Amino acid sequence: MTPVHRHNPEFRAAARHFGRRRFLTATGAAAALAFAVQLPSAGVAAADELDGRRIPEDPFTLGVASGDPLPDSVLLWTRLAQFDILDTRQYRSNQAYGDGWQVPRPESEDPSRTMTGATQERWLLDGWRDAQALWNVVPQQVVFARRRNVPTPDLKLSMDSWDGYPASRRRILDGAAAAGVANLMVLTGDVHVGYGLDIKADFDDPGSRTVGTELVATSISSGKDGSDRPANHDALTTANPHMRFYNGRRGYLTVELGTEQARADFRTVARVTTPGAPITTAASFVTEAGNPGLRPA
């Protein structure tokens, strides 16, 4: 996903043609995901006045706006959630050791390596320091939490994901902690499977504090039918105790943000190679506001 460039002539022309609200609605839907969000009624700010009603039309009446960060970054916010949309493709350091799954070594551990680029990283952390929303949501491209491929010392990590950039991930988590981000949610795609992951303060210590959640949406058709338990399911879930869910079917993910909790529903179909398969909910999880970590709904 390439962030919207607000100085691009085509962007400006489209914004003028459609109007600010309609244009942001379209680009936001294309860039992030579809979110069902519980919000307070228009104009109500005090927490004790939240009525929890779902607003089906025009969320912009409730405070959604576009930020004005850098030309290559996008910020969307509401009174309930702030969305910081990252580009983790074009500003990163090259993948270590030629990409793929590799044994982590000095090149991948180099503290100068970056997933976001220095400018985008600074923009994200600065934005968190000023954030006032309940949920801080980060839609981006590649898996953020650690994924060891096996539960043995000869493990490998994906050099394309944040595991190939651990120092960059550490800076993001330290920045979130310094800014007092209490409800961090990372939204991811890329890997054509569904994951539900707890984000740990220290992935080397399974008992360390959970500081956020990551929800990874599967593909709609790539990978053919897939399976509920891919061949590496047991190895991956054993090697990564913070992995609360792993499913290899095709489908999509819905996220509902509320004032007390967020809910994620992993929706899948048994087959895509032939028509007619019904949609089912493979699993549902919640994470409580102020108490991060995925729990079965």
Protein backbone atom coordinates (compact mmCIF):
# COMPACT_ATOMS: atom_id res chain seq x y z
CA MET A 1 0.00 0.00 0.00
CA THR A 2 1.46 3.36 -1.03
CA PRO A 3 0.29 6.22 1.21
CA VAL A 4 -1.74 9.04 -0.36
CA HIS A 5 0.52 11.88 -1.48
CA ARG A 6 -1.30 15.14 -0.71
CA HIS A 7 0.91 17.16 -3.09
CA ASN A 8 0.26 14.91 -6.09
CA PRO A 9 -1.73 16.79 -8.80
CA GLU A 10 -4.00 13.79 -9.40
CA PHE A 11 -4.69 13.55 -5.67
CA ARG A 12 -5.61 17.24 -5.49
CA ALA A 13 -7.82 17.01 -8.56
CA ALA A 14 -9.66 13.99 -7.20
CA ALA A 15 -10.14 15.69 -3.85
CA ARG A 16 -11.63 18.74 -5.53
CA HIS A 17 -13.95 16.62 -7.67
CA PHE A 18 -15.30 14.37 -4.95
CA GLY A 19 -15.09 16.72 -2.00
CA ARG A 20 -12.95 16.21 1.09
CA ARG A 21 -15.23 13.84 2.96
CA ARG A 22 -16.15 11.55 0.07
CA PHE A 23 -12.54 11.40 -1.11
CA LEU A 24 -11.18 10.54 2.34
CA THR A 25 -13.89 7.92 2.75
CA ALA A 26 -12.80 6.20 -0.48
CA THR A 27 -9.05 6.42 0.12
CA GLY A 28 -9.38 5.39 3.76
CA ALA A 29 -11.40 2.33 2.84
CA ALA A 30 -8.87 1.33 0.22
CA ALA A 31 -5.85 1.95 2.41
CA ALA A 32 -6.82 0.50 5.77
CA LEU A 33 -9.57 -2.11 6.20
CA ALA A 34 -13.31 -2.05 6.75
CA PHE A 35 -13.97 -1.24 10.38
CA ALA A 36 -17.25 -1.44 12.25
CA VAL A 37 -16.77 1.18 14.95
CA GLN A 38 -18.91 1.93 17.98
CA LEU A 39 -18.80 5.67 18.56
CA PRO A 40 -20.53 8.18 20.83
CA SER A 41 -23.40 10.18 19.39
CA ALA A 42 -22.37 13.35 17.56
CA GLY A 43 -21.07 16.14 19.74
CA VAL A 44 -20.80 14.05 22.93
CA ALA A 45 -17.30 13.98 24.37
CA ALA A 46 -17.61 12.97 28.03
CA ALA A 47 -17.03 9.28 28.70
CA ASP A 48 -20.08 9.00 30.93
CA GLU A 49 -22.29 10.13 28.06
CA LEU A 50 -21.20 7.45 25.58
CA ASP A 51 -24.28 5.63 24.39
CA GLY A 52 -22.48 2.92 22.41
CA ARG A 53 -24.83 3.20 19.44
CA ARG A 54 -23.46 2.12 16.09
CA ILE A 55 -23.50 4.94 13.58
CA PRO A 56 -24.26 3.54 10.11
CA GLU A 57 -23.73 6.72 8.10
CA ASP A 58 -21.14 9.46 7.68
CA PRO A 59 -18.69 8.90 10.56
CA PHE A 60 -17.13 12.27 9.69
CA THR A 61 -19.87 13.97 11.73
CA LEU A 62 -18.25 12.40 14.78
CA GLY A 63 -14.80 13.89 14.44
CA VAL A 64 -13.02 11.87 11.75
CA ALA A 65 -10.52 13.99 9.86
CA SER A 66 -7.32 13.71 7.91
CA GLY A 67 -4.12 14.76 9.56
CA ASP A 68 -1.54 16.94 7.85
CA PRO A 69 1.70 15.03 8.52
CA LEU A 70 4.36 14.50 5.87
CA PRO A 71 3.67 14.31 2.14
CA ASP A 72 4.23 10.54 2.22
CA SER A 73 2.19 9.70 5.33
CA VAL A 74 -1.49 9.60 6.22
CA LEU A 75 -3.23 10.11 9.55
CA LEU A 76 -6.89 9.34 10.23
CA TRP A 77 -8.43 9.88 13.65
CA THR A 78 -11.67 9.81 15.58
CA ARG A 79 -12.52 10.48 19.20
CA LEU A 80 -12.36 6.72 19.73
CA ALA A 81 -9.35 5.72 17.64
CA GLN A 82 -6.32 7.16 15.89
CA PHE A 83 -5.18 5.38 12.72
CA ASP A 84 -1.51 5.80 11.77
CA ILE A 85 -1.08 4.15 8.37
CA LEU A 86 2.51 3.08 7.69
CA ASP A 87 4.39 2.27 4.51
CA THR A 88 6.78 -0.54 5.42
CA ARG A 89 7.92 -1.22 1.87
CA GLN A 90 9.60 1.70 0.15
CA TYR A 91 11.59 3.31 2.99
CA ARG A 92 13.02 0.20 4.63
CA SER A 93 16.57 -1.08 4.68
CA ASN A 94 17.09 -4.00 2.31
CA GLN A 95 16.16 -7.40 3.69
CA ALA A 96 19.08 -9.07 5.44
CA TYR A 97 20.75 -12.17 4.05
CA GLY A 98 18.89 -12.05 0.76
CA ASP A 99 15.37 -12.18 2.24
CA GLY A 100 13.40 -15.32 3.13
CA TRP A 101 13.52 -17.24 6.41
CA GLN A 102 17.04 -17.07 7.83
CA VAL A 103 18.92 -17.62 11.07
CA PRO A 104 19.10 -14.21 12.78
CA ARG A 105 22.67 -12.93 12.73
CA PRO A 106 24.54 -9.62 13.02
CA GLU A 107 23.25 -8.15 9.76
CA SER A 108 19.58 -8.49 10.72
CA GLU A 109 20.32 -7.39 14.30
CA ASP A 110 22.13 -4.20 13.20
CA PRO A 111 20.56 -1.33 15.21
CA SER A 112 20.86 1.05 12.25
CA ARG A 113 18.41 -0.99 10.18
CA THR A 114 14.96 0.48 9.73
CA MET A 115 11.60 -0.81 8.56
CA THR A 116 9.98 2.60 8.17
CA GLY A 117 12.80 5.02 7.46
CA ALA A 118 13.84 7.59 10.03
CA THR A 119 11.37 10.28 8.94
CA GLN A 120 8.31 8.05 9.07
CA GLU A 121 9.40 6.55 12.39
CA ARG A 122 9.75 10.01 13.91
CA TRP A 123 6.32 11.00 12.53
CA LEU A 124 4.69 7.96 14.15
CA LEU A 125 6.31 8.46 17.56
CA ASP A 126 5.65 12.20 17.56
CA GLY A 127 2.00 11.54 16.71
CA TRP A 128 1.66 9.12 19.59
CA ARG A 129 2.93 11.70 22.06
CA ASP A 130 0.05 13.99 21.08
CA ALA A 131 -2.57 11.23 20.77
CA GLN A 132 -5.77 11.50 22.80
CA ALA A 133 -7.77 8.63 21.28
CA LEU A 134 -8.61 5.48 23.22
CA TRP A 135 -7.22 3.09 20.56
CA ASN A 136 -4.02 3.60 18.60
CA VAL A 137 -4.38 1.54 15.44
CA VAL A 138 -1.49 0.97 13.03
CA PRO A 139 -2.46 -0.56 9.67
CA GLN A 140 0.68 -1.68 7.83
CA GLN A 141 1.96 -4.44 5.58
CA VAL A 142 4.12 -7.14 7.24
CA VAL A 143 3.90 -9.19 10.44
CA PHE A 144 5.00 -7.12 13.44
CA ALA A 145 5.16 -9.71 16.24
CA ARG A 146 7.91 -12.30 16.39
CA ARG A 147 7.39 -15.58 14.53
CA ARG A 148 9.93 -18.31 15.19
CA ASN A 149 9.48 -21.11 12.65
CA VAL A 150 10.31 -23.94 15.09
CA PRO A 151 10.44 -24.31 18.89
CA THR A 152 14.13 -25.35 18.84
CA PRO A 153 17.44 -23.46 18.98
CA ASP A 154 17.97 -23.79 15.21
CA LEU A 155 15.08 -21.41 14.57
CA LYS A 156 14.72 -19.08 11.62
CA LEU A 157 12.92 -15.76 11.27
CA SER A 158 11.38 -13.97 8.30
CA MET A 159 13.78 -11.33 7.03
CA ASP A 160 10.90 -9.59 5.22
CA SER A 161 8.84 -9.01 8.36
CA TRP A 162 9.66 -6.94 11.44
CA ASP A 163 11.66 -9.96 12.68
CA GLY A 164 14.28 -8.92 10.14
CA TYR A 165 14.32 -5.44 11.70
CA PRO A 166 14.23 -6.08 15.47
CA ALA A 167 15.95 -2.82 16.41
CA SER A 168 13.34 -0.89 14.42
CA ARG A 169 10.56 -2.79 16.19
CA ARG A 170 12.21 -2.08 19.55
CA ARG A 171 12.23 1.65 18.83
CA ILE A 172 8.52 1.55 17.95
CA LEU A 173 7.61 -0.32 21.14
CA ASP A 174 9.81 1.93 23.28
CA GLY A 175 8.19 4.96 21.67
CA ALA A 176 4.72 3.61 22.38
CA ALA A 177 5.66 3.03 26.01
CA ALA A 178 7.18 6.50 26.37
CA ALA A 179 4.04 8.07 24.90
CA GLY A 180 1.76 6.14 27.24
CA VAL A 181 0.00 4.24 24.45
CA ALA A 182 -2.26 1.86 26.37
CA ASN A 183 -4.24 0.26 23.56
CA LEU A 184 -1.96 -0.48 20.62
CA MET A 185 -3.44 -2.49 17.75
CA VAL A 186 -1.44 -3.43 14.66
CA LEU A 187 -3.34 -4.50 11.53
CA THR A 188 -1.47 -6.59 8.98
CA GLY A 189 -1.86 -8.58 5.78
CA ASP A 190 0.77 -9.97 3.37
CA VAL A 191 1.14 -13.60 4.50
CA HIS A 192 -2.13 -15.12 3.17
CA VAL A 193 -3.08 -16.62 6.54
CA GLY A 194 -4.90 -15.34 9.58
CA TYR A 195 -3.05 -14.67 12.84
CA GLY A 196 -4.06 -13.32 16.21
CA LEU A 197 -0.97 -12.26 18.15
CA ASP A 198 -0.17 -10.62 21.46
CA ILE A 199 2.58 -8.02 21.22
CA LYS A 200 5.02 -8.58 24.06
CA ALA A 201 7.27 -6.03 25.75
CA ASP A 202 10.08 -8.58 25.33
CA PHE A 203 9.58 -11.43 22.88
CA ASP A 204 12.54 -13.26 24.46
CA ASP A 205 10.53 -13.49 27.68
CA PRO A 206 7.09 -15.09 27.15
CA GLY A 207 6.10 -13.90 30.63
CA SER A 208 6.78 -10.26 29.86
CA ARG A 209 3.97 -7.74 29.73
CA THR A 210 1.57 -7.74 26.80
CA VAL A 211 1.62 -4.23 25.33
CA GLY A 212 -0.69 -4.58 22.35
CA THR A 213 -2.35 -6.88 19.86
CA GLU A 214 -1.76 -7.71 16.21
CA LEU A 215 -4.46 -8.93 13.86
CA VAL A 216 -3.39 -10.41 10.54
CA ALA A 217 -5.98 -10.79 7.79
CA THR A 218 -5.78 -13.73 5.41
CA SER A 219 -6.07 -13.52 1.63
CA ILE A 220 -9.36 -13.61 -0.26
CA SER A 221 -8.22 -16.11 -2.90
CA SER A 222 -4.41 -16.40 -2.99
CA GLY A 223 -3.27 -19.80 -1.76
CA LYS A 224 -6.33 -21.65 -3.06
CA ASP A 225 -8.52 -23.31 -0.43
CA GLY A 226 -5.96 -23.51 2.36
CA SER A 227 -6.70 -25.36 5.59
CA ASP A 228 -7.75 -24.67 9.15
CA ARG A 229 -4.48 -26.15 10.42
CA PRO A 230 -1.60 -25.62 7.98
CA ALA A 231 1.26 -28.11 8.08
CA ASN A 232 3.38 -25.85 10.29
CA HIS A 233 0.53 -24.99 12.69
CA ASP A 234 1.81 -26.92 15.70
CA ALA A 235 5.43 -25.85 15.23
CA LEU A 236 4.51 -22.20 14.87
CA THR A 237 2.08 -22.00 17.78
CA THR A 238 4.45 -23.91 20.06
CA ALA A 239 7.42 -21.75 19.10
CA ASN A 240 5.39 -18.57 19.64
CA PRO A 241 3.21 -18.76 22.77
CA HIS A 242 2.00 -15.21 22.07
CA MET A 243 0.30 -16.52 18.90
CA ARG A 244 -3.31 -16.94 19.97
CA PHE A 245 -4.72 -17.93 16.58
CA TYR A 246 -3.46 -19.34 13.29
CA ASN A 247 -5.68 -20.34 10.38
CA GLY A 248 -4.83 -20.94 6.74
CA ARG A 249 -8.24 -20.60 5.10
CA ARG A 250 -9.28 -17.80 2.75
CA GLY A 251 -11.51 -15.03 4.03
CA TYR A 252 -11.35 -11.69 5.77
CA LEU A 253 -11.18 -10.04 9.17
CA THR A 254 -13.57 -7.61 10.83
CA VAL A 255 -12.63 -5.41 13.77
CA GLU A 256 -15.12 -3.59 15.97
CA LEU A 257 -13.77 -0.90 18.27
CA GLY A 258 -15.77 0.04 21.34
CA THR A 259 -15.26 2.12 24.45
CA GLU A 260 -14.61 -0.93 26.62
CA GLN A 261 -13.15 -3.50 24.25
CA ALA A 262 -12.27 -4.32 20.66
CA ARG A 263 -13.59 -7.43 18.95
CA ALA A 264 -12.02 -9.31 16.03
CA ASP A 265 -13.88 -11.90 13.94
CA PHE A 266 -11.90 -14.11 11.57
CA ARG A 267 -14.30 -14.97 8.75
CA THR A 268 -13.38 -17.86 6.45
CA VAL A 269 -14.70 -20.15 3.74
CA ALA A 270 -13.86 -23.83 3.33
CA ARG A 271 -13.08 -23.45 -0.37
CA VAL A 272 -12.57 -20.83 -3.06
CA THR A 273 -11.70 -23.18 -5.92
CA THR A 274 -15.39 -24.01 -6.40
CA PRO A 275 -18.34 -21.66 -5.82
CA GLY A 276 -20.94 -21.82 -3.10
CA ALA A 277 -18.96 -22.26 0.12
CA PRO A 278 -20.69 -20.58 3.07
CA ILE A 279 -18.89 -18.00 5.15
CA THR A 280 -18.22 -19.00 8.75
CA THR A 281 -16.52 -17.44 11.75
CA ALA A 282 -13.36 -19.42 12.44
CA ALA A 283 -12.67 -17.60 15.71
CA SER A 284 -13.55 -14.44 17.61
CA PHE A 285 -11.41 -12.57 20.11
CA VAL A 286 -11.67 -9.49 22.28
CA THR A 287 -9.06 -7.25 23.83
CA GLU A 288 -10.10 -5.00 26.69
CA ALA A 289 -9.31 -1.31 26.72
CA GLY A 290 -6.47 -0.82 29.18
CA ASN A 291 -5.79 -4.56 29.42
CA PRO A 292 -4.16 -5.63 26.14
CA GLY A 293 -4.10 -9.23 25.01
CA LEU A 294 -6.42 -11.41 22.93
CA ARG A 295 -9.02 -13.50 24.69
CA PRO A 296 -11.68 -15.77 23.12
CA ALA A 297 -14.95 -13.90 22.69
